[in-house]
Amino acid sequence: MIAAHFDRTDRKQFKEMCGHNLCFWGDVPGSLMVTGTPSEVKDYVKELIEDFADTGGLIVDGANAITGEARPENVMALREAVDECGV
């Protein structure tokens, strides 16, 4: 499987077109990591995992990497959501 990194895309359309051939990588907005709450980050990541759970191809990452401006508690929330919902 080949990974395709995205910073903005229609996840549902990607899944329909490529979801079983390409691994979806990224999509957690930097703005969410910087200004969001840990709860908002967890909810976003959980939804992302649910969207791609049946494809077997997902790499959870920041849309444009996780920058130094990201709140540490949001980075932990991202990791916790992956631990709770990921495989």
PDB file of N, CA and C in Angstrom:
ATOM      1  N   MET A   1       0.849  -1.170   0.000  1.00  0.00           N
ATOM      2  CA  MET A   1       0.000   0.000   0.000  1.00  0.00           C
ATOM      3  C   MET A   1       0.899   1.239   0.000  1.00  0.00           C
ATOM      4  N   ILE A   2       0.535   2.230  -0.749  1.00  0.00           N
ATOM      5  CA  ILE A   2       1.274   3.486  -0.854  1.00  0.00           C
ATOM      6  C   ILE A   2       0.575   4.523   0.013  1.00  0.00           C
ATOM      7  N   ALA A   3       1.341   5.336   0.739  1.00  0.00           N
ATOM      8  CA  ALA A   3       0.778   6.391   1.577  1.00  0.00           C
ATOM      9  C   ALA A   3       0.638   7.680   0.771  1.00  0.00           C
ATOM     10  N   ALA A   4      -0.495   8.341   0.949  1.00  0.00           N
ATOM     11  CA  ALA A   4      -0.752   9.633   0.298  1.00  0.00           C
ATOM     12  C   ALA A   4      -0.995  10.657   1.402  1.00  0.00           C
ATOM     13  N   HIS A   5      -0.121  11.663   1.505  1.00  0.00           N
ATOM     14  CA  HIS A   5      -0.189  12.656   2.584  1.00  0.00           C
ATOM     15  C   HIS A   5      -1.058  13.833   2.167  1.00  0.00           C
ATOM     16  N   PHE A   6      -1.974  14.221   3.056  1.00  0.00           N
ATOM     17  CA  PHE A   6      -2.904  15.308   2.745  1.00  0.00           C
ATOM     18  C   PHE A   6      -2.907  16.346   3.849  1.00  0.00           C
ATOM     19  N   ASP A   7      -3.063  17.597   3.435  1.00  0.00           N
ATOM     20  CA  ASP A   7      -3.289  18.642   4.426  1.00  0.00           C
ATOM     21  C   ASP A   7      -4.734  19.115   4.372  1.00  0.00           C
ATOM     22  N   ARG A   8      -5.388  18.961   3.251  1.00  0.00           N
ATOM     23  CA  ARG A   8      -6.817  19.269   3.120  1.00  0.00           C
ATOM     24  C   ARG A   8      -7.379  18.439   1.983  1.00  0.00           C
ATOM     25  N   THR A   9      -8.404  17.691   2.300  1.00  0.00           N
ATOM     26  CA  THR A   9      -9.075  16.924   1.257  1.00  0.00           C
ATOM     27  C   THR A   9     -10.418  16.454   1.781  1.00  0.00           C
ATOM     28  N   ASP A  10     -11.265  16.077   0.891  1.00  0.00           N
ATOM     29  CA  ASP A  10     -12.541  15.478   1.257  1.00  0.00           C
ATOM     30  C   ASP A  10     -12.271  14.013   1.567  1.00  0.00           C
ATOM     31  N   ARG A  11     -12.243  13.664   2.848  1.00  0.00           N
ATOM     32  CA  ARG A  11     -11.891  12.308   3.255  1.00  0.00           C
ATOM     33  C   ARG A  11     -12.835  11.275   2.679  1.00  0.00           C
ATOM     34  N   LYS A  12     -14.108  11.568   2.649  1.00  0.00           N
ATOM     35  CA  LYS A  12     -15.084  10.598   2.146  1.00  0.00           C
ATOM     36  C   LYS A  12     -14.879  10.349   0.655  1.00  0.00           C
ATOM     37  N   GLN A  13     -14.595  11.395  -0.101  1.00  0.00           N
ATOM     38  CA  GLN A  13     -14.335  11.235  -1.533  1.00  0.00           C
ATOM     39  C   GLN A  13     -13.036  10.460  -1.754  1.00  0.00           C
ATOM     40  N   PHE A  14     -11.998  10.772  -0.981  1.00  0.00           N
ATOM     41  CA  PHE A  14     -10.751  10.021  -1.091  1.00  0.00           C
ATOM     42  C   PHE A  14     -11.002   8.539  -0.839  1.00  0.00           C
ATOM     43  N   LYS A  15     -11.761   8.240   0.215  1.00  0.00           N
ATOM     44  CA  LYS A  15     -12.021   6.842   0.565  1.00  0.00           C
ATOM     45  C   LYS A  15     -12.744   6.124  -0.574  1.00  0.00           C
ATOM     46  N   GLU A  16     -13.743   6.775  -1.165  1.00  0.00           N
ATOM     47  CA  GLU A  16     -14.472   6.170  -2.281  1.00  0.00           C
ATOM     48  C   GLU A  16     -13.554   5.875  -3.460  1.00  0.00           C
ATOM     49  N   MET A  17     -12.673   6.815  -3.769  1.00  0.00           N
ATOM     50  CA  MET A  17     -11.837   6.691  -4.959  1.00  0.00           C
ATOM     51  C   MET A  17     -10.588   5.838  -4.732  1.00  0.00           C
ATOM     52  N   CYS A  18      -9.978   5.963  -3.564  1.00  0.00           N
ATOM     53  CA  CYS A  18      -8.652   5.362  -3.372  1.00  0.00           C
ATOM     54  C   CYS A  18      -8.490   4.592  -2.070  1.00  0.00           C
ATOM     55  N   GLY A  19      -9.498   4.579  -1.238  1.00  0.00           N
ATOM     56  CA  GLY A  19      -9.373   4.097   0.126  1.00  0.00           C
ATOM     57  C   GLY A  19      -8.851   2.694   0.323  1.00  0.00           C
ATOM     58  N   HIS A  20      -9.002   1.838  -0.670  1.00  0.00           N
ATOM     59  CA  HIS A  20      -8.511   0.472  -0.504  1.00  0.00           C
ATOM     60  C   HIS A  20      -7.197   0.239  -1.252  1.00  0.00           C
ATOM     61  N   ASN A  21      -6.678   1.302  -1.882  1.00  0.00           N
ATOM     62  CA  ASN A  21      -5.426   1.197  -2.620  1.00  0.00           C
ATOM     63  C   ASN A  21      -4.330   2.102  -2.062  1.00  0.00           C
ATOM     64  N   LEU A  22      -4.735   3.171  -1.399  1.00  0.00           N
ATOM     65  CA  LEU A  22      -3.776   4.118  -0.839  1.00  0.00           C
ATOM     66  C   LEU A  22      -4.001   4.264   0.653  1.00  0.00           C
ATOM     67  N   CYS A  23      -2.931   4.465   1.370  1.00  0.00           N
ATOM     68  CA  CYS A  23      -3.002   4.720   2.804  1.00  0.00           C
ATOM     69  C   CYS A  23      -3.174   6.225   3.013  1.00  0.00           C
ATOM     70  N   PHE A  24      -4.214   6.621   3.731  1.00  0.00           N
ATOM     71  CA  PHE A  24      -4.472   8.030   4.013  1.00  0.00           C
ATOM     72  C   PHE A  24      -3.544   8.471   5.134  1.00  0.00           C
ATOM     73  N   TRP A  25      -2.843   9.601   4.924  1.00  0.00           N
ATOM     74  CA  TRP A  25      -1.833  10.055   5.877  1.00  0.00           C
ATOM     75  C   TRP A  25      -2.059  11.536   6.156  1.00  0.00           C
ATOM     76  N   GLY A  26      -2.221  11.880   7.416  1.00  0.00           N
ATOM     77  CA  GLY A  26      -2.299  13.288   7.801  1.00  0.00           C
ATOM     78  C   GLY A  26      -3.689  13.736   8.157  1.00  0.00           C
ATOM     79  N   ASP A  27      -3.964  14.979   7.880  1.00  0.00           N
ATOM     80  CA  ASP A  27      -5.270  15.619   7.958  1.00  0.00           C
ATOM     81  C   ASP A  27      -5.655  16.190   9.314  1.00  0.00           C
ATOM     82  N   VAL A  28      -4.867  16.053  10.369  1.00  0.00           N
ATOM     83  CA  VAL A  28      -5.217  16.713  11.624  1.00  0.00           C
ATOM     84  C   VAL A  28      -4.733  18.159  11.494  1.00  0.00           C
ATOM     85  N   PRO A  29      -5.665  19.123  11.442  1.00  0.00           N
ATOM     86  CA  PRO A  29      -5.283  20.510  11.168  1.00  0.00           C
ATOM     87  C   PRO A  29      -4.329  21.088  12.217  1.00  0.00           C
ATOM     88  N   GLY A  30      -3.329  21.804  11.725  1.00  0.00           N
ATOM     89  CA  GLY A  30      -2.402  22.484  12.629  1.00  0.00           C
ATOM     90  C   GLY A  30      -3.113  23.469  13.525  1.00  0.00           C
ATOM     91  N   SER A  31      -4.132  24.136  12.984  1.00  0.00           N
ATOM     92  CA  SER A  31      -4.876  25.109  13.791  1.00  0.00           C
ATOM     93  C   SER A  31      -5.560  24.433  14.978  1.00  0.00           C
ATOM     94  N   LEU A  32      -6.028  23.209  14.771  1.00  0.00           N
ATOM     95  CA  LEU A  32      -6.648  22.455  15.862  1.00  0.00           C
ATOM     96  C   LEU A  32      -5.605  22.087  16.917  1.00  0.00           C
ATOM     97  N   MET A  33      -4.437  21.703  16.473  1.00  0.00           N
ATOM     98  CA  MET A  33      -3.378  21.325  17.403  1.00  0.00           C
ATOM     99  C   MET A  33      -2.871  22.516  18.213  1.00  0.00           C
ATOM    100  N   VAL A  34      -2.961  23.719  17.635  1.00  0.00           N
ATOM    101  CA  VAL A  34      -2.469  24.927  18.308  1.00  0.00           C
ATOM    102  C   VAL A  34      -3.541  25.574  19.167  1.00  0.00           C
ATOM    103  N   THR A  35      -4.766  25.665  18.660  1.00  0.00           N
ATOM    104  CA  THR A  35      -5.800  26.437  19.371  1.00  0.00           C
ATOM    105  C   THR A  35      -6.941  25.593  19.923  1.00  0.00           C
ATOM    106  N   GLY A  36      -7.025  24.334  19.533  1.00  0.00           N
ATOM    107  CA  GLY A  36      -8.126  23.492  19.999  1.00  0.00           C
ATOM    108  C   GLY A  36      -7.911  22.997  21.417  1.00  0.00           C
ATOM    109  N   THR A  37      -8.927  22.335  21.915  1.00  0.00           N
ATOM    110  CA  THR A  37      -8.835  21.715  23.231  1.00  0.00           C
ATOM    111  C   THR A  37      -8.464  20.244  23.058  1.00  0.00           C
ATOM    112  N   PRO A  38      -7.948  19.615  24.095  1.00  0.00           N
ATOM    113  CA  PRO A  38      -7.664  18.183  23.994  1.00  0.00           C
ATOM    114  C   PRO A  38      -8.905  17.368  23.606  1.00  0.00           C
ATOM    115  N   SER A  39     -10.048  17.750  24.097  1.00  0.00           N
ATOM    116  CA  SER A  39     -11.284  17.050  23.756  1.00  0.00           C
ATOM    117  C   SER A  39     -11.598  17.168  22.264  1.00  0.00           C
ATOM    118  N   GLU A  40     -11.415  18.355  21.706  1.00  0.00           N
ATOM    119  CA  GLU A  40     -11.652  18.558  20.274  1.00  0.00           C
ATOM    120  C   GLU A  40     -10.678  17.740  19.431  1.00  0.00           C
ATOM    121  N   VAL A  41      -9.422  17.685  19.868  1.00  0.00           N
ATOM    122  CA  VAL A  41      -8.423  16.897  19.145  1.00  0.00           C
ATOM    123  C   VAL A  41      -8.806  15.422  19.184  1.00  0.00           C
ATOM    124  N   LYS A  42      -9.170  14.917  20.358  1.00  0.00           N
ATOM    125  CA  LYS A  42      -9.561  13.508  20.472  1.00  0.00           C
ATOM    126  C   LYS A  42     -10.752  13.193  19.585  1.00  0.00           C
ATOM    127  N   ASP A  43     -11.756  14.056  19.601  1.00  0.00           N
ATOM    128  CA  ASP A  43     -12.944  13.826  18.770  1.00  0.00           C
ATOM    129  C   ASP A  43     -12.577  13.787  17.292  1.00  0.00           C
ATOM    130  N   TYR A  44     -11.724  14.703  16.856  1.00  0.00           N
ATOM    131  CA  TYR A  44     -11.312  14.754  15.449  1.00  0.00           C
ATOM    132  C   TYR A  44     -10.575  13.479  15.062  1.00  0.00           C
ATOM    133  N   VAL A  45      -9.634  13.063  15.893  1.00  0.00           N
ATOM    134  CA  VAL A  45      -8.836  11.875  15.592  1.00  0.00           C
ATOM    135  C   VAL A  45      -9.708  10.620  15.606  1.00  0.00           C
ATOM    136  N   LYS A  46     -10.614  10.528  16.556  1.00  0.00           N
ATOM    137  CA  LYS A  46     -11.507   9.368  16.609  1.00  0.00           C
ATOM    138  C   LYS A  46     -12.361   9.274  15.346  1.00  0.00           C
ATOM    139  N   GLU A  47     -12.853  10.419  14.870  1.00  0.00           N
ATOM    140  CA  GLU A  47     -13.640  10.435  13.629  1.00  0.00           C
ATOM    141  C   GLU A  47     -12.781  10.023  12.438  1.00  0.00           C
ATOM    142  N   LEU A  48     -11.556  10.497  12.404  1.00  0.00           N
ATOM    143  CA  LEU A  48     -10.631  10.128  11.332  1.00  0.00           C
ATOM    144  C   LEU A  48     -10.393   8.617  11.326  1.00  0.00           C
ATOM    145  N   ILE A  49     -10.178   8.049  12.500  1.00  0.00           N
ATOM    146  CA  ILE A  49      -9.960   6.600  12.599  1.00  0.00           C
ATOM    147  C   ILE A  49     -11.211   5.842  12.172  1.00  0.00           C
ATOM    148  N   GLU A  50     -12.371   6.294  12.618  1.00  0.00           N
ATOM    149  CA  GLU A  50     -13.628   5.640  12.222  1.00  0.00           C
ATOM    150  C   GLU A  50     -13.821   5.678  10.712  1.00  0.00           C
ATOM    151  N   ASP A  51     -13.472   6.807  10.089  1.00  0.00           N
ATOM    152  CA  ASP A  51     -13.634   6.943   8.634  1.00  0.00           C
ATOM    153  C   ASP A  51     -12.818   5.904   7.869  1.00  0.00           C
ATOM    154  N   PHE A  52     -11.638   5.548   8.379  1.00  0.00           N
ATOM    155  CA  PHE A  52     -10.750   4.664   7.632  1.00  0.00           C
ATOM    156  C   PHE A  52     -10.547   3.299   8.286  1.00  0.00           C
ATOM    157  N   ALA A  53     -11.310   2.980   9.297  1.00  0.00           N
ATOM    158  CA  ALA A  53     -11.137   1.722  10.027  1.00  0.00           C
ATOM    159  C   ALA A  53     -11.261   0.502   9.127  1.00  0.00           C
ATOM    160  N   ASP A  54     -12.122   0.564   8.148  1.00  0.00           N
ATOM    161  CA  ASP A  54     -12.346  -0.610   7.298  1.00  0.00           C
ATOM    162  C   ASP A  54     -11.393  -0.703   6.104  1.00  0.00           C
ATOM    163  N   THR A  55     -10.481   0.263   5.962  1.00  0.00           N
ATOM    164  CA  THR A  55      -9.567   0.227   4.820  1.00  0.00           C
ATOM    165  C   THR A  55      -8.219  -0.374   5.176  1.00  0.00           C
ATOM    166  N   GLY A  56      -7.862  -0.331   6.455  1.00  0.00           N
ATOM    167  CA  GLY A  56      -6.560  -0.840   6.864  1.00  0.00           C
ATOM    168  C   GLY A  56      -5.418   0.085   6.528  1.00  0.00           C
ATOM    169  N   GLY A  57      -5.717   1.299   6.075  1.00  0.00           N
ATOM    170  CA  GLY A  57      -4.653   2.216   5.695  1.00  0.00           C
ATOM    171  C   GLY A  57      -4.856   3.612   6.230  1.00  0.00           C
ATOM    172  N   LEU A  58      -4.214   3.924   7.369  1.00  0.00           N
ATOM    173  CA  LEU A  58      -4.316   5.264   7.944  1.00  0.00           C
ATOM    174  C   LEU A  58      -3.064   5.545   8.759  1.00  0.00           C
ATOM    175  N   ILE A  59      -2.476   6.709   8.533  1.00  0.00           N
ATOM    176  CA  ILE A  59      -1.397   7.223   9.372  1.00  0.00           C
ATOM    177  C   ILE A  59      -1.909   8.537   9.935  1.00  0.00           C
ATOM    178  N   VAL A  60      -2.089   8.590  11.240  1.00  0.00           N
ATOM    179  CA  VAL A  60      -2.581   9.805  11.887  1.00  0.00           C
ATOM    180  C   VAL A  60      -1.390  10.737  12.092  1.00  0.00           C
ATOM    181  N   ASP A  61      -1.518  11.950  11.558  1.00  0.00           N
ATOM    182  CA  ASP A  61      -0.436  12.924  11.611  1.00  0.00           C
ATOM    183  C   ASP A  61      -1.046  14.302  11.413  1.00  0.00           C
ATOM    184  N   GLY A  62      -0.276  15.301  11.705  1.00  0.00           N
ATOM    185  CA  GLY A  62      -0.713  16.655  11.419  1.00  0.00           C
ATOM    186  C   GLY A  62      -0.806  16.872   9.918  1.00  0.00           C
ATOM    187  N   ALA A  63      -1.675  17.778   9.526  1.00  0.00           N
ATOM    188  CA  ALA A  63      -1.855  18.063   8.103  1.00  0.00           C
ATOM    189  C   ALA A  63      -0.541  18.507   7.461  1.00  0.00           C
ATOM    190  N   ASN A  64       0.188  19.353   8.150  1.00  0.00           N
ATOM    191  CA  ASN A  64       1.498  19.815   7.679  1.00  0.00           C
ATOM    192  C   ASN A  64       2.544  19.531   8.741  1.00  0.00           C
ATOM    193  N   ALA A  65       2.487  18.365   9.320  1.00  0.00           N
ATOM    194  CA  ALA A  65       3.346  17.938  10.435  1.00  0.00           C
ATOM    195  C   ALA A  65       2.789  18.526  11.739  1.00  0.00           C
ATOM    196  N   ILE A  66       3.311  18.074  12.819  1.00  0.00           N
ATOM    197  CA  ILE A  66       2.921  18.618  14.121  1.00  0.00           C
ATOM    198  C   ILE A  66       4.019  19.589  14.510  1.00  0.00           C
ATOM    199  N   THR A  67       3.685  20.858  14.503  1.00  0.00           N
ATOM    200  CA  THR A  67       4.677  21.917  14.690  1.00  0.00           C
ATOM    201  C   THR A  67       4.974  22.166  16.165  1.00  0.00           C
ATOM    202  N   GLY A  68       6.004  22.924  16.400  1.00  0.00           N
ATOM    203  CA  GLY A  68       6.387  23.303  17.758  1.00  0.00           C
ATOM    204  C   GLY A  68       5.356  24.165  18.453  1.00  0.00           C
ATOM    205  N   GLU A  69       4.453  24.759  17.681  1.00  0.00           N
ATOM    206  CA  GLU A  69       3.409  25.595  18.271  1.00  0.00           C
ATOM    207  C   GLU A  69       2.249  24.777  18.827  1.00  0.00           C
ATOM    208  N   ALA A  70       2.195  23.495  18.504  1.00  0.00           N
ATOM    209  CA  ALA A  70       1.107  22.642  18.994  1.00  0.00           C
ATOM    210  C   ALA A  70       1.161  22.582  20.516  1.00  0.00           C
ATOM    211  N   ARG A  71      -0.006  22.655  21.121  1.00  0.00           N
ATOM    212  CA  ARG A  71      -0.081  22.569  22.580  1.00  0.00           C
ATOM    213  C   ARG A  71       0.278  21.146  23.004  1.00  0.00           C
ATOM    214  N   PRO A  72       1.176  20.992  23.976  1.00  0.00           N
ATOM    215  CA  PRO A  72       1.584  19.650  24.412  1.00  0.00           C
ATOM    216  C   PRO A  72       0.402  18.764  24.811  1.00  0.00           C
ATOM    217  N   GLU A  73      -0.605  19.357  25.456  1.00  0.00           N
ATOM    218  CA  GLU A  73      -1.769  18.564  25.863  1.00  0.00           C
ATOM    219  C   GLU A  73      -2.565  18.075  24.648  1.00  0.00           C
ATOM    220  N   ASN A  74      -2.485  18.810  23.534  1.00  0.00           N
ATOM    221  CA  ASN A  74      -3.165  18.367  22.315  1.00  0.00           C
ATOM    222  C   ASN A  74      -2.397  17.239  21.630  1.00  0.00           C
ATOM    223  N   VAL A  75      -1.075  17.298  21.704  1.00  0.00           N
ATOM    224  CA  VAL A  75      -0.273  16.198  21.161  1.00  0.00           C
ATOM    225  C   VAL A  75      -0.566  14.921  21.955  1.00  0.00           C
ATOM    226  N   MET A  76      -0.662  15.049  23.267  1.00  0.00           N
ATOM    227  CA  MET A  76      -0.996  13.886  24.107  1.00  0.00           C
ATOM    228  C   MET A  76      -2.397  13.380  23.795  1.00  0.00           C
ATOM    229  N   ALA A  77      -3.340  14.286  23.556  1.00  0.00           N
ATOM    230  CA  ALA A  77      -4.713  13.890  23.231  1.00  0.00           C
ATOM    231  C   ALA A  77      -4.746  13.130  21.910  1.00  0.00           C
ATOM    232  N   LEU A  78      -3.964  13.566  20.934  1.00  0.00           N
ATOM    233  CA  LEU A  78      -3.886  12.858  19.660  1.00  0.00           C
ATOM    234  C   LEU A  78      -3.382  11.432  19.908  1.00  0.00           C
ATOM    235  N   ARG A  79      -2.329  11.318  20.667  1.00  0.00           N
ATOM    236  CA  ARG A  79      -1.744   9.998  20.960  1.00  0.00           C
ATOM    237  C   ARG A  79      -2.738   9.114  21.726  1.00  0.00           C
ATOM    238  N   GLU A  80      -3.424   9.684  22.697  1.00  0.00           N
ATOM    239  CA  GLU A  80      -4.396   8.920  23.488  1.00  0.00           C
ATOM    240  C   GLU A  80      -5.541   8.414  22.609  1.00  0.00           C
ATOM    241  N   ALA A  81      -6.010   9.251  21.699  1.00  0.00           N
ATOM    242  CA  ALA A  81      -7.100   8.839  20.800  1.00  0.00           C
ATOM    243  C   ALA A  81      -6.651   7.682  19.909  1.00  0.00           C
ATOM    244  N   VAL A  82      -5.418   7.749  19.428  1.00  0.00           N
ATOM    245  CA  VAL A  82      -4.899   6.648  18.603  1.00  0.00           C
ATOM    246  C   VAL A  82      -4.777   5.389  19.443  1.00  0.00           C
ATOM    247  N   ASP A  83      -4.290   5.513  20.666  1.00  0.00           N
ATOM    248  CA  ASP A  83      -4.165   4.338  21.541  1.00  0.00           C
ATOM    249  C   ASP A  83      -5.533   3.721  21.854  1.00  0.00           C
ATOM    250  N   GLU A  84      -6.529   4.584  22.048  1.00  0.00           N
ATOM    251  CA  GLU A  84      -7.871   4.100  22.417  1.00  0.00           C
ATOM    252  C   GLU A  84      -8.622   3.498  21.233  1.00  0.00           C
ATOM    253  N   CYS A  85      -8.460   4.071  20.046  1.00  0.00           N
ATOM    254  CA  CYS A  85      -9.299   3.684  18.908  1.00  0.00           C
ATOM    255  C   CYS A  85      -8.550   2.985  17.780  1.00  0.00           C
ATOM    256  N   GLY A  86      -7.251   3.093  17.759  1.00  0.00           N
ATOM    257  CA  GLY A  86      -6.476   2.506  16.681  1.00  0.00           C
ATOM    258  C   GLY A  86      -6.216   1.035  16.900  1.00  0.00           C
ATOM    259  N   VAL A  87      -5.645   0.425  15.899  1.00  0.00           N
ATOM    260  CA  VAL A  87      -5.323  -0.998  15.974  1.00  0.00           C
ATOM    261  C   VAL A  87      -3.819  -1.171  16.020  1.00  0.00           C
TER     262      VAL A  87
END
